[in-house]
Amino acid sequence: MYKNPMLAMSSMLFEGAMLAFESQQVVAMRLTKFAMGGPDVQREAELMVSEKMASLAETSKMMMLAAIGGKSDLAAEKIVKHYRKKVGANVKRLSASPSNCAQ
């Protein structure tokens, strides 16, 4: 946590911008994968939905614990870091997938 509010806000703006950029990478990779088809497209769609549901549950828990603890920021920094970690793992996994390479 930052003691300087401007530094904290700058950090959150940067983290949020990076999350948006990285998320767009995942969207593009998934759309490419879906458009190309193949045997693992159904699995990717199911994984996408299950990951979203699991992340929603995890971040809801973070917010509830922050609210119960009387924190006014409701764990916003932790939530953004959580999503960046998940999105980063998706970028890495989808980048390694041979079906995302041009043929």
C-alpha atoms as a PDB file:
ATOM      1  CA  MET A   1       0.000   0.000   0.000  1.00  0.00           C
ATOM      2  CA  TYR A   2       1.114   3.513  -0.785  1.00  0.00           C
ATOM      3  CA  LYS A   3       1.065   6.345   1.733  1.00  0.00           C
ATOM      4  CA  ASN A   4       0.911   8.959  -1.016  1.00  0.00           C
ATOM      5  CA  PRO A   5      -2.620   8.950  -2.536  1.00  0.00           C
ATOM      6  CA  MET A   6      -1.368  10.221  -5.902  1.00  0.00           C
ATOM      7  CA  LEU A   7       1.142   7.380  -6.123  1.00  0.00           C
ATOM      8  CA  ALA A   8      -1.561   4.877  -5.212  1.00  0.00           C
ATOM      9  CA  MET A   9      -3.880   6.271  -7.873  1.00  0.00           C
ATOM     10  CA  SER A  10      -1.107   6.255 -10.479  1.00  0.00           C
ATOM     11  CA  SER A  11      -0.341   2.652  -9.658  1.00  0.00           C
ATOM     12  CA  MET A  12      -3.996   1.625  -9.979  1.00  0.00           C
ATOM     13  CA  LEU A  13      -4.309   3.490 -13.289  1.00  0.00           C
ATOM     14  CA  PHE A  14      -1.244   1.696 -14.636  1.00  0.00           C
ATOM     15  CA  GLU A  15      -2.407  -1.716 -13.381  1.00  0.00           C
ATOM     16  CA  GLY A  16      -5.879  -1.124 -14.814  1.00  0.00           C
ATOM     17  CA  ALA A  17      -4.484  -0.065 -18.186  1.00  0.00           C
ATOM     18  CA  MET A  18      -2.248  -3.137 -18.313  1.00  0.00           C
ATOM     19  CA  LEU A  19      -5.206  -5.358 -17.425  1.00  0.00           C
ATOM     20  CA  ALA A  20      -7.202  -3.837 -20.287  1.00  0.00           C
ATOM     21  CA  PHE A  21      -4.338  -4.312 -22.752  1.00  0.00           C
ATOM     22  CA  GLU A  22      -3.621  -7.893 -21.687  1.00  0.00           C
ATOM     23  CA  SER A  23      -7.322  -8.777 -21.715  1.00  0.00           C
ATOM     24  CA  GLN A  24      -7.593  -7.614 -25.320  1.00  0.00           C
ATOM     25  CA  GLN A  25      -4.727  -9.954 -26.204  1.00  0.00           C
ATOM     26  CA  VAL A  26      -6.664 -12.879 -24.731  1.00  0.00           C
ATOM     27  CA  VAL A  27      -9.843 -11.877 -26.568  1.00  0.00           C
ATOM     28  CA  ALA A  28      -7.956 -11.688 -29.879  1.00  0.00           C
ATOM     29  CA  MET A  29      -6.242 -15.037 -29.329  1.00  0.00           C
ATOM     30  CA  ARG A  30      -9.480 -16.751 -28.355  1.00  0.00           C
ATOM     31  CA  LEU A  31     -11.410 -15.313 -31.292  1.00  0.00           C
ATOM     32  CA  THR A  32      -8.657 -16.517 -33.618  1.00  0.00           C
ATOM     33  CA  LYS A  33      -8.772 -19.962 -32.051  1.00  0.00           C
ATOM     34  CA  PHE A  34     -12.568 -20.126 -32.335  1.00  0.00           C
ATOM     35  CA  ALA A  35     -12.497 -18.933 -35.963  1.00  0.00           C
ATOM     36  CA  MET A  36      -9.911 -21.543 -36.928  1.00  0.00           C
ATOM     37  CA  GLY A  37     -11.916 -24.330 -35.309  1.00  0.00           C
ATOM     38  CA  GLY A  38     -10.413 -27.605 -34.285  1.00  0.00           C
ATOM     39  CA  PRO A  39     -10.872 -30.275 -31.670  1.00  0.00           C
ATOM     40  CA  ASP A  40     -10.001 -28.114 -28.660  1.00  0.00           C
ATOM     41  CA  VAL A  41     -12.360 -25.180 -29.369  1.00  0.00           C
ATOM     42  CA  GLN A  42     -15.165 -26.594 -27.211  1.00  0.00           C
ATOM     43  CA  ARG A  43     -12.724 -27.184 -24.345  1.00  0.00           C
ATOM     44  CA  GLU A  44     -11.431 -23.604 -24.653  1.00  0.00           C
ATOM     45  CA  ALA A  45     -14.974 -22.195 -24.519  1.00  0.00           C
ATOM     46  CA  GLU A  46     -15.787 -24.286 -21.447  1.00  0.00           C
ATOM     47  CA  LEU A  47     -12.510 -23.307 -19.786  1.00  0.00           C
ATOM     48  CA  MET A  48     -13.200 -19.641 -20.490  1.00  0.00           C
ATOM     49  CA  VAL A  49     -16.596 -19.771 -18.777  1.00  0.00           C
ATOM     50  CA  SER A  50     -15.407 -21.828 -15.800  1.00  0.00           C
ATOM     51  CA  GLU A  51     -12.420 -19.497 -15.257  1.00  0.00           C
ATOM     52  CA  LYS A  52     -14.712 -16.482 -15.258  1.00  0.00           C
ATOM     53  CA  MET A  53     -17.054 -18.061 -12.722  1.00  0.00           C
ATOM     54  CA  ALA A  54     -14.165 -19.081 -10.446  1.00  0.00           C
ATOM     55  CA  SER A  55     -12.624 -15.584 -10.633  1.00  0.00           C
ATOM     56  CA  LEU A  56     -15.977 -13.984  -9.868  1.00  0.00           C
ATOM     57  CA  ALA A  57     -16.301 -16.141  -6.748  1.00  0.00           C
ATOM     58  CA  GLU A  58     -12.736 -15.359  -5.639  1.00  0.00           C
ATOM     59  CA  THR A  59     -13.043 -11.606  -6.141  1.00  0.00           C
ATOM     60  CA  SER A  60     -16.461 -11.525  -4.472  1.00  0.00           C
ATOM     61  CA  LYS A  61     -14.873 -13.153  -1.444  1.00  0.00           C
ATOM     62  CA  MET A  62     -12.083 -10.539  -1.464  1.00  0.00           C
ATOM     63  CA  MET A  63     -14.630  -7.718  -1.537  1.00  0.00           C
ATOM     64  CA  MET A  64     -16.736  -9.263   1.229  1.00  0.00           C
ATOM     65  CA  LEU A  65     -13.696  -9.735   3.470  1.00  0.00           C
ATOM     66  CA  ALA A  66     -12.596  -6.145   2.818  1.00  0.00           C
ATOM     67  CA  ALA A  67     -16.093  -4.831   3.592  1.00  0.00           C
ATOM     68  CA  ILE A  68     -16.335  -6.901   6.778  1.00  0.00           C
ATOM     69  CA  GLY A  69     -12.888  -5.626   7.759  1.00  0.00           C
ATOM     70  CA  GLY A  70     -14.040  -2.027   7.287  1.00  0.00           C
ATOM     71  CA  LYS A  71     -11.700  -1.269   4.385  1.00  0.00           C
ATOM     72  CA  SER A  72     -12.988   1.521   2.185  1.00  0.00           C
ATOM     73  CA  ASP A  73     -11.150   0.444  -0.980  1.00  0.00           C
ATOM     74  CA  LEU A  74     -12.843  -3.002  -1.017  1.00  0.00           C
ATOM     75  CA  ALA A  75      -9.560  -4.645  -2.026  1.00  0.00           C
ATOM     76  CA  ALA A  76      -9.495  -3.003  -5.473  1.00  0.00           C
ATOM     77  CA  GLU A  77      -5.720  -3.375  -5.792  1.00  0.00           C
ATOM     78  CA  LYS A  78      -5.872  -7.083  -4.907  1.00  0.00           C
ATOM     79  CA  ILE A  79      -8.707  -7.669  -7.365  1.00  0.00           C
ATOM     80  CA  VAL A  80      -6.851  -6.043 -10.270  1.00  0.00           C
ATOM     81  CA  LYS A  81      -3.718  -8.059  -9.426  1.00  0.00           C
ATOM     82  CA  HIS A  82      -5.817 -11.227  -9.260  1.00  0.00           C
ATOM     83  CA  TYR A  83      -7.250 -10.629 -12.738  1.00  0.00           C
ATOM     84  CA  ARG A  84      -3.859  -9.653 -14.196  1.00  0.00           C
ATOM     85  CA  LYS A  85      -2.428 -12.931 -12.932  1.00  0.00           C
ATOM     86  CA  LYS A  86      -5.270 -14.932 -14.507  1.00  0.00           C
ATOM     87  CA  VAL A  87      -5.124 -13.000 -17.784  1.00  0.00           C
ATOM     88  CA  GLY A  88      -1.333 -13.366 -17.917  1.00  0.00           C
ATOM     89  CA  ALA A  89      -1.669 -17.129 -17.512  1.00  0.00           C
ATOM     90  CA  ASN A  90      -4.179 -17.177 -20.378  1.00  0.00           C
ATOM     91  CA  VAL A  91      -1.843 -15.166 -22.633  1.00  0.00           C
ATOM     92  CA  LYS A  92       0.967 -17.604 -21.891  1.00  0.00           C
ATOM     93  CA  ARG A  93      -1.207 -20.681 -22.443  1.00  0.00           C
ATOM     94  CA  LEU A  94      -2.843 -19.405 -25.618  1.00  0.00           C
ATOM     95  CA  SER A  95       0.484 -18.199 -27.026  1.00  0.00           C
ATOM     96  CA  ALA A  96       1.916 -21.697 -26.656  1.00  0.00           C
ATOM     97  CA  SER A  97      -1.053 -23.241 -28.463  1.00  0.00           C
ATOM     98  CA  PRO A  98      -0.134 -24.309 -32.008  1.00  0.00           C
ATOM     99  CA  SER A  99      -3.704 -23.622 -33.222  1.00  0.00           C
ATOM    100  CA  ASN A 100      -3.120 -19.865 -32.669  1.00  0.00           C
ATOM    101  CA  CYS A 101      -0.227 -19.766 -35.146  1.00  0.00           C
ATOM    102  CA  ALA A 102      -0.785 -18.787 -38.748  1.00  0.00           C
ATOM    103  CA  GLN A 103      -0.528 -21.742 -41.097  1.00  0.00           C
END
